[in-house]
PDB file of N, CA and C in Angstrom:
ATOM      1  N   MET A   1     -40.225  47.969 -16.306  1.00  0.00           N
ATOM      2  CA  MET A   1     -40.265  46.932 -17.296  1.00  0.00           C
ATOM      3  C   MET A   1     -39.504  47.413 -18.532  1.00  0.00           C
ATOM      4  N   ASN A   2     -38.676  46.568 -19.075  1.00  0.00           N
ATOM      5  CA  ASN A   2     -37.842  46.917 -20.219  1.00  0.00           C
ATOM      6  C   ASN A   2     -38.568  46.601 -21.526  1.00  0.00           C
ATOM      7  N   ILE A   3     -38.940  47.635 -22.255  1.00  0.00           N
ATOM      8  CA  ILE A   3     -39.672  47.460 -23.518  1.00  0.00           C
ATOM      9  C   ILE A   3     -38.838  46.665 -24.516  1.00  0.00           C
ATOM     10  N   GLN A   4     -37.529  46.877 -24.539  1.00  0.00           N
ATOM     11  CA  GLN A   4     -36.670  46.186 -25.500  1.00  0.00           C
ATOM     12  C   GLN A   4     -36.778  44.676 -25.379  1.00  0.00           C
ATOM     13  N   SER A   5     -37.020  44.156 -24.180  1.00  0.00           N
ATOM     14  CA  SER A   5     -37.101  42.706 -24.025  1.00  0.00           C
ATOM     15  C   SER A   5     -38.301  42.138 -24.784  1.00  0.00           C
ATOM     16  N   TYR A   6     -39.357  42.938 -24.982  1.00  0.00           N
ATOM     17  CA  TYR A   6     -40.508  42.477 -25.753  1.00  0.00           C
ATOM     18  C   TYR A   6     -40.229  42.499 -27.243  1.00  0.00           C
ATOM     19  N   LEU A   7     -39.219  43.211 -27.650  1.00  0.00           N
ATOM     20  CA  LEU A   7     -38.873  43.336 -29.068  1.00  0.00           C
ATOM     21  C   LEU A   7     -37.604  42.568 -29.403  1.00  0.00           C
ATOM     22  N   TYR A   8     -37.206  41.639 -28.549  1.00  0.00           N
ATOM     23  CA  TYR A   8     -36.013  40.828 -28.762  1.00  0.00           C
ATOM     24  C   TYR A   8     -34.786  41.687 -29.048  1.00  0.00           C
ATOM     25  N   ASN A   9     -34.701  42.827 -28.361  1.00  0.00           N
ATOM     26  CA  ASN A   9     -33.575  43.752 -28.475  1.00  0.00           C
ATOM     27  C   ASN A   9     -33.345  44.251 -29.896  1.00  0.00           C
ATOM     28  N   CYS A  10     -34.400  44.282 -30.705  1.00  0.00           N
ATOM     29  CA  CYS A  10     -34.290  44.857 -32.049  1.00  0.00           C
ATOM     30  C   CYS A  10     -34.153  46.365 -31.930  1.00  0.00           C
ATOM     31  N   PRO A  11     -33.324  46.965 -32.766  1.00  0.00           N
ATOM     32  CA  PRO A  11     -33.226  48.419 -32.758  1.00  0.00           C
ATOM     33  C   PRO A  11     -34.576  49.050 -33.118  1.00  0.00           C
ATOM     34  N   ARG A  12     -34.891  50.150 -32.476  1.00  0.00           N
ATOM     35  CA  ARG A  12     -36.161  50.827 -32.751  1.00  0.00           C
ATOM     36  C   ARG A  12     -36.280  51.202 -34.222  1.00  0.00           C
ATOM     37  N   GLU A  13     -35.179  51.573 -34.866  1.00  0.00           N
ATOM     38  CA  GLU A  13     -35.215  51.943 -36.281  1.00  0.00           C
ATOM     39  C   GLU A  13     -35.714  50.776 -37.141  1.00  0.00           C
ATOM     40  N   TYR A  14     -35.284  49.560 -36.795  1.00  0.00           N
ATOM     41  CA  TYR A  14     -35.738  48.385 -37.554  1.00  0.00           C
ATOM     42  C   TYR A  14     -37.239  48.175 -37.345  1.00  0.00           C
ATOM     43  N   ILE A  15     -37.677  48.244 -36.101  1.00  0.00           N
ATOM     44  CA  ILE A  15     -39.097  48.066 -35.795  1.00  0.00           C
ATOM     45  C   ILE A  15     -39.922  49.130 -36.518  1.00  0.00           C
ATOM     46  N   ASP A  16     -39.459  50.381 -36.473  1.00  0.00           N
ATOM     47  CA  ASP A  16     -40.176  51.473 -37.129  1.00  0.00           C
ATOM     48  C   ASP A  16     -40.202  51.325 -38.646  1.00  0.00           C
ATOM     49  N   SER A  17     -39.217  50.625 -39.220  1.00  0.00           N
ATOM     50  CA  SER A  17     -39.220  50.418 -40.668  1.00  0.00           C
ATOM     51  C   SER A  17     -40.334  49.449 -41.083  1.00  0.00           C
ATOM     52  N   ILE A  18     -40.766  48.588 -40.174  1.00  0.00           N
ATOM     53  CA  ILE A  18     -41.856  47.656 -40.446  1.00  0.00           C
ATOM     54  C   ILE A  18     -43.190  48.402 -40.364  1.00  0.00           C
ATOM     55  N   ASP A  19     -43.358  49.163 -39.296  1.00  0.00           N
ATOM     56  CA  ASP A  19     -44.571  49.958 -39.081  1.00  0.00           C
ATOM     57  C   ASP A  19     -44.190  51.080 -38.123  1.00  0.00           C
ATOM     58  N   PRO A  20     -44.297  52.326 -38.553  1.00  0.00           N
ATOM     59  CA  PRO A  20     -43.877  53.448 -37.713  1.00  0.00           C
ATOM     60  C   PRO A  20     -44.593  53.537 -36.364  1.00  0.00           C
ATOM     61  N   THR A  21     -45.764  52.931 -36.259  1.00  0.00           N
ATOM     62  CA  THR A  21     -46.503  53.008 -34.989  1.00  0.00           C
ATOM     63  C   THR A  21     -46.290  51.779 -34.107  1.00  0.00           C
ATOM     64  N   PHE A  22     -45.558  50.797 -34.598  1.00  0.00           N
ATOM     65  CA  PHE A  22     -45.405  49.527 -33.875  1.00  0.00           C
ATOM     66  C   PHE A  22     -44.802  49.718 -32.486  1.00  0.00           C
ATOM     67  N   SER A  23     -43.682  50.395 -32.399  1.00  0.00           N
ATOM     68  CA  SER A  23     -43.029  50.545 -31.091  1.00  0.00           C
ATOM     69  C   SER A  23     -43.906  51.337 -30.125  1.00  0.00           C
ATOM     70  N   ILE A  24     -44.651  52.306 -30.627  1.00  0.00           N
ATOM     71  CA  ILE A  24     -45.562  53.079 -29.775  1.00  0.00           C
ATOM     72  C   ILE A  24     -46.683  52.176 -29.264  1.00  0.00           C
ATOM     73  N   GLN A  25     -47.220  51.335 -30.152  1.00  0.00           N
ATOM     74  CA  GLN A  25     -48.277  50.407 -29.747  1.00  0.00           C
ATOM     75  C   GLN A  25     -47.792  49.465 -28.649  1.00  0.00           C
ATOM     76  N   ILE A  26     -46.585  48.946 -28.807  1.00  0.00           N
ATOM     77  CA  ILE A  26     -46.034  48.011 -27.815  1.00  0.00           C
ATOM     78  C   ILE A  26     -45.812  48.731 -26.484  1.00  0.00           C
ATOM     79  N   LYS A  27     -45.255  49.942 -26.520  1.00  0.00           N
ATOM     80  CA  LYS A  27     -45.047  50.694 -25.277  1.00  0.00           C
ATOM     81  C   LYS A  27     -46.360  50.952 -24.561  1.00  0.00           C
ATOM     82  N   ASP A  28     -47.380  51.352 -25.310  1.00  0.00           N
ATOM     83  CA  ASP A  28     -48.692  51.600 -24.714  1.00  0.00           C
ATOM     84  C   ASP A  28     -49.272  50.323 -24.114  1.00  0.00           C
ATOM     85  N   LEU A  29     -49.125  49.220 -24.835  1.00  0.00           N
ATOM     86  CA  LEU A  29     -49.631  47.944 -24.342  1.00  0.00           C
ATOM     87  C   LEU A  29     -48.944  47.553 -23.037  1.00  0.00           C
ATOM     88  N   VAL A  30     -47.627  47.667 -22.988  1.00  0.00           N
ATOM     89  CA  VAL A  30     -46.876  47.270 -21.789  1.00  0.00           C
ATOM     90  C   VAL A  30     -47.278  48.135 -20.596  1.00  0.00           C
ATOM     91  N   LYS A  31     -47.525  49.406 -20.833  1.00  0.00           N
ATOM     92  CA  LYS A  31     -47.959  50.292 -19.750  1.00  0.00           C
ATOM     93  C   LYS A  31     -49.313  49.873 -19.181  1.00  0.00           C
ATOM     94  N   LYS A  32     -50.174  49.313 -20.024  1.00  0.00           N
ATOM     95  CA  LYS A  32     -51.531  48.950 -19.622  1.00  0.00           C
ATOM     96  C   LYS A  32     -51.647  47.520 -19.097  1.00  0.00           C
ATOM     97  N   LEU A  33     -50.589  46.724 -19.247  1.00  0.00           N
ATOM     98  CA  LEU A  33     -50.673  45.325 -18.834  1.00  0.00           C
ATOM     99  C   LEU A  33     -50.935  45.203 -17.338  1.00  0.00           C
ATOM    100  N   PRO A  34     -51.934  44.404 -16.980  1.00  0.00           N
ATOM    101  CA  PRO A  34     -52.130  44.148 -15.553  1.00  0.00           C
ATOM    102  C   PRO A  34     -51.055  43.181 -15.060  1.00  0.00           C
ATOM    103  N   GLU A  35     -50.847  43.167 -13.775  1.00  0.00           N
ATOM    104  CA  GLU A  35     -49.879  42.223 -13.211  1.00  0.00           C
ATOM    105  C   GLU A  35     -50.395  40.813 -13.438  1.00  0.00           C
ATOM    106  N   ALA A  36     -49.533  39.936 -13.893  1.00  0.00           N
ATOM    107  CA  ALA A  36     -49.930  38.563 -14.205  1.00  0.00           C
ATOM    108  C   ALA A  36     -49.351  37.601 -13.169  1.00  0.00           C
ATOM    109  N   GLN A  37     -50.096  36.530 -12.931  1.00  0.00           N
ATOM    110  CA  GLN A  37     -49.682  35.529 -11.949  1.00  0.00           C
ATOM    111  C   GLN A  37     -48.490  34.705 -12.448  1.00  0.00           C
ATOM    112  N   ASP A  38     -48.447  34.469 -13.761  1.00  0.00           N
ATOM    113  CA  ASP A  38     -47.387  33.640 -14.324  1.00  0.00           C
ATOM    114  C   ASP A  38     -47.219  33.982 -15.809  1.00  0.00           C
ATOM    115  N   ASP A  39     -46.276  33.298 -16.462  1.00  0.00           N
ATOM    116  CA  ASP A  39     -46.001  33.565 -17.881  1.00  0.00           C
ATOM    117  C   ASP A  39     -47.209  33.284 -18.763  1.00  0.00           C
ATOM    118  N   LYS A  40     -47.959  32.222 -18.458  1.00  0.00           N
ATOM    119  CA  LYS A  40     -49.127  31.871 -19.265  1.00  0.00           C
ATOM    120  C   LYS A  40     -50.162  32.996 -19.222  1.00  0.00           C
ATOM    121  N   ALA A  41     -50.388  33.554 -18.053  1.00  0.00           N
ATOM    122  CA  ALA A  41     -51.341  34.664 -17.911  1.00  0.00           C
ATOM    123  C   ALA A  41     -50.826  35.905 -18.632  1.00  0.00           C
ATOM    124  N   LEU A  42     -49.528  36.164 -18.554  1.00  0.00           N
ATOM    125  CA  LEU A  42     -48.940  37.314 -19.243  1.00  0.00           C
ATOM    126  C   LEU A  42     -49.120  37.189 -20.754  1.00  0.00           C
ATOM    127  N   ILE A  43     -48.842  36.011 -21.286  1.00  0.00           N
ATOM    128  CA  ILE A  43     -48.979  35.770 -22.731  1.00  0.00           C
ATOM    129  C   ILE A  43     -50.438  35.948 -23.155  1.00  0.00           C
ATOM    130  N   ALA A  44     -51.374  35.437 -22.359  1.00  0.00           N
ATOM    131  CA  ALA A  44     -52.794  35.591 -22.678  1.00  0.00           C
ATOM    132  C   ALA A  44     -53.185  37.064 -22.672  1.00  0.00           C
ATOM    133  N   ASN A  45     -52.721  37.808 -21.679  1.00  0.00           N
ATOM    134  CA  ASN A  45     -53.038  39.237 -21.610  1.00  0.00           C
ATOM    135  C   ASN A  45     -52.506  39.986 -22.828  1.00  0.00           C
ATOM    136  N   VAL A  46     -51.273  39.709 -23.198  1.00  0.00           N
ATOM    137  CA  VAL A  46     -50.670  40.375 -24.365  1.00  0.00           C
ATOM    138  C   VAL A  46     -51.453  40.013 -25.625  1.00  0.00           C
ATOM    139  N   PHE A  47     -51.765  38.736 -25.805  1.00  0.00           N
ATOM    140  CA  PHE A  47     -52.515  38.292 -26.982  1.00  0.00           C
ATOM    141  C   PHE A  47     -53.839  39.037 -27.091  1.00  0.00           C
ATOM    142  N   TRP A  48     -54.630  39.050 -26.022  1.00  0.00           N
ATOM    143  CA  TRP A  48     -55.956  39.668 -26.073  1.00  0.00           C
ATOM    144  C   TRP A  48     -55.887  41.183 -26.190  1.00  0.00           C
ATOM    145  N   MET A  49     -54.873  41.793 -25.610  1.00  0.00           N
ATOM    146  CA  MET A  49     -54.728  43.244 -25.750  1.00  0.00           C
ATOM    147  C   MET A  49     -54.357  43.607 -27.188  1.00  0.00           C
ATOM    148  N   LEU A  50     -53.478  42.828 -27.804  1.00  0.00           N
ATOM    149  CA  LEU A  50     -53.138  43.072 -29.213  1.00  0.00           C
ATOM    150  C   LEU A  50     -54.360  42.850 -30.100  1.00  0.00           C
ATOM    151  N   ALA A  51     -55.093  41.780 -29.850  1.00  0.00           N
ATOM    152  CA  ALA A  51     -56.289  41.494 -30.645  1.00  0.00           C
ATOM    153  C   ALA A  51     -57.316  42.622 -30.512  1.00  0.00           C
ATOM    154  N   SER A  52     -57.454  43.173 -29.323  1.00  0.00           N
ATOM    155  CA  SER A  52     -58.422  44.254 -29.128  1.00  0.00           C
ATOM    156  C   SER A  52     -57.972  45.552 -29.793  1.00  0.00           C
ATOM    157  N   ASN A  53     -56.686  45.642 -30.128  1.00  0.00           N
ATOM    158  CA  ASN A  53     -56.161  46.811 -30.844  1.00  0.00           C
ATOM    159  C   ASN A  53     -56.154  46.601 -32.353  1.00  0.00           C
ATOM    160  N   GLY A  54     -56.832  45.542 -32.823  1.00  0.00           N
ATOM    161  CA  GLY A  54     -56.961  45.323 -34.255  1.00  0.00           C
ATOM    162  C   GLY A  54     -55.926  44.403 -34.872  1.00  0.00           C
ATOM    163  N   TRP A  55     -55.061  43.818 -34.067  1.00  0.00           N
ATOM    164  CA  TRP A  55     -54.078  42.889 -34.604  1.00  0.00           C
ATOM    165  C   TRP A  55     -54.795  41.605 -35.012  1.00  0.00           C
ATOM    166  N   SER A  56     -54.327  40.978 -36.054  1.00  0.00           N
ATOM    167  CA  SER A  56     -54.914  39.728 -36.531  1.00  0.00           C
ATOM    168  C   SER A  56     -53.931  38.588 -36.337  1.00  0.00           C
ATOM    169  N   PHE A  57     -54.470  37.433 -36.066  1.00  0.00           N
ATOM    170  CA  PHE A  57     -53.653  36.238 -35.871  1.00  0.00           C
ATOM    171  C   PHE A  57     -54.237  35.127 -36.716  1.00  0.00           C
ATOM    172  N   SER A  58     -53.388  34.307 -37.303  1.00  0.00           N
ATOM    173  CA  SER A  58     -53.873  33.230 -38.168  1.00  0.00           C
ATOM    174  C   SER A  58     -54.483  32.086 -37.368  1.00  0.00           C
ATOM    175  N   GLU A  59     -54.091  31.956 -36.121  1.00  0.00           N
ATOM    176  CA  GLU A  59     -54.666  30.908 -35.285  1.00  0.00           C
ATOM    177  C   GLU A  59     -54.542  31.297 -33.822  1.00  0.00           C
ATOM    178  N   LEU A  60     -55.359  30.681 -33.003  1.00  0.00           N
ATOM    179  CA  LEU A  60     -55.338  30.913 -31.576  1.00  0.00           C
ATOM    180  C   LEU A  60     -54.291  29.988 -30.975  1.00  0.00           C
ATOM    181  N   PRO A  61     -53.268  30.537 -30.312  1.00  0.00           N
ATOM    182  CA  PRO A  61     -52.254  29.672 -29.701  1.00  0.00           C
ATOM    183  C   PRO A  61     -52.896  28.674 -28.737  1.00  0.00           C
ATOM    184  N   GLU A  62     -52.309  27.515 -28.643  1.00  0.00           N
ATOM    185  CA  GLU A  62     -52.847  26.432 -27.827  1.00  0.00           C
ATOM    186  C   GLU A  62     -53.078  26.840 -26.373  1.00  0.00           C
ATOM    187  N   SER A  63     -52.223  27.681 -25.843  1.00  0.00           N
ATOM    188  CA  SER A  63     -52.310  28.052 -24.428  1.00  0.00           C
ATOM    189  C   SER A  63     -53.319  29.167 -24.156  1.00  0.00           C
ATOM    190  N   ILE A  64     -53.969  29.694 -25.202  1.00  0.00           N
ATOM    191  CA  ILE A  64     -54.894  30.813 -25.054  1.00  0.00           C
ATOM    192  C   ILE A  64     -56.328  30.294 -25.132  1.00  0.00           C
ATOM    193  N   SER A  65     -57.181  30.733 -24.202  1.00  0.00           N
ATOM    194  CA  SER A  65     -58.585  30.318 -24.222  1.00  0.00           C
ATOM    195  C   SER A  65     -59.342  31.103 -25.292  1.00  0.00           C
ATOM    196  N   ASN A  66     -60.562  30.682 -25.563  1.00  0.00           N
ATOM    197  CA  ASN A  66     -61.378  31.332 -26.586  1.00  0.00           C
ATOM    198  C   ASN A  66     -61.910  32.694 -26.161  1.00  0.00           C
ATOM    199  N   ASP A  67     -61.806  33.012 -24.901  1.00  0.00           N
ATOM    200  CA  ASP A  67     -62.291  34.280 -24.366  1.00  0.00           C
ATOM    201  C   ASP A  67     -61.177  34.979 -23.592  1.00  0.00           C
ATOM    202  N   PRO A  68     -61.203  36.312 -23.579  1.00  0.00           N
ATOM    203  CA  PRO A  68     -60.195  37.052 -22.802  1.00  0.00           C
ATOM    204  C   PRO A  68     -60.270  36.684 -21.321  1.00  0.00           C
ATOM    205  N   PRO A  69     -59.143  36.777 -20.613  1.00  0.00           N
ATOM    206  CA  PRO A  69     -59.155  36.511 -19.177  1.00  0.00           C
ATOM    207  C   PRO A  69     -60.144  37.432 -18.461  1.00  0.00           C
ATOM    208  N   SER A  70     -60.793  36.911 -17.450  1.00  0.00           N
ATOM    209  CA  SER A  70     -61.730  37.746 -16.696  1.00  0.00           C
ATOM    210  C   SER A  70     -60.950  38.872 -16.027  1.00  0.00           C
ATOM    211  N   GLY A  71     -61.520  40.032 -16.042  1.00  0.00           N
ATOM    212  CA  GLY A  71     -60.861  41.182 -15.432  1.00  0.00           C
ATOM    213  C   GLY A  71     -59.974  41.977 -16.382  1.00  0.00           C
ATOM    214  N   LEU A  72     -59.645  41.400 -17.546  1.00  0.00           N
ATOM    215  CA  LEU A  72     -58.833  42.118 -18.525  1.00  0.00           C
ATOM    216  C   LEU A  72     -59.746  43.064 -19.299  1.00  0.00           C
ATOM    217  N   LYS A  73     -59.426  44.328 -19.273  1.00  0.00           N
ATOM    218  CA  LYS A  73     -60.281  45.326 -19.916  1.00  0.00           C
ATOM    219  C   LYS A  73     -59.896  45.474 -21.381  1.00  0.00           C
ATOM    220  N   VAL A  74     -60.621  44.741 -22.241  1.00  0.00           N
ATOM    221  CA  VAL A  74     -60.409  44.835 -23.680  1.00  0.00           C
ATOM    222  C   VAL A  74     -61.759  45.061 -24.342  1.00  0.00           C
ATOM    223  N   ASN A  75     -61.745  45.795 -25.449  1.00  0.00           N
ATOM    224  CA  ASN A  75     -62.963  46.088 -26.201  1.00  0.00           C
ATOM    225  C   ASN A  75     -62.834  45.574 -27.610  1.00  0.00           C
ATOM    226  N   PHE A  76     -63.879  44.953 -28.084  1.00  0.00           N
ATOM    227  CA  PHE A  76     -63.906  44.463 -29.472  1.00  0.00           C
ATOM    228  C   PHE A  76     -65.055  45.081 -30.207  1.00  0.00           C
TER     229      PHE A  76
END
């Protein structure tokens, strides 16, 4: 899996200028992602994994349920 595709091909230096741990967090997340059935499941997995790592979101995207997908190992 190509990590750069998750960062819209932004240079790592730019990403690191925003938060030095950002690229490491994304790499770790991608390594832990379970195989998803489709794009909707992948997006839900990424959302809940980021949320479980302390990321905050102003709203719940329309395609995301109020609870993490069953089987996704996240801790809050």
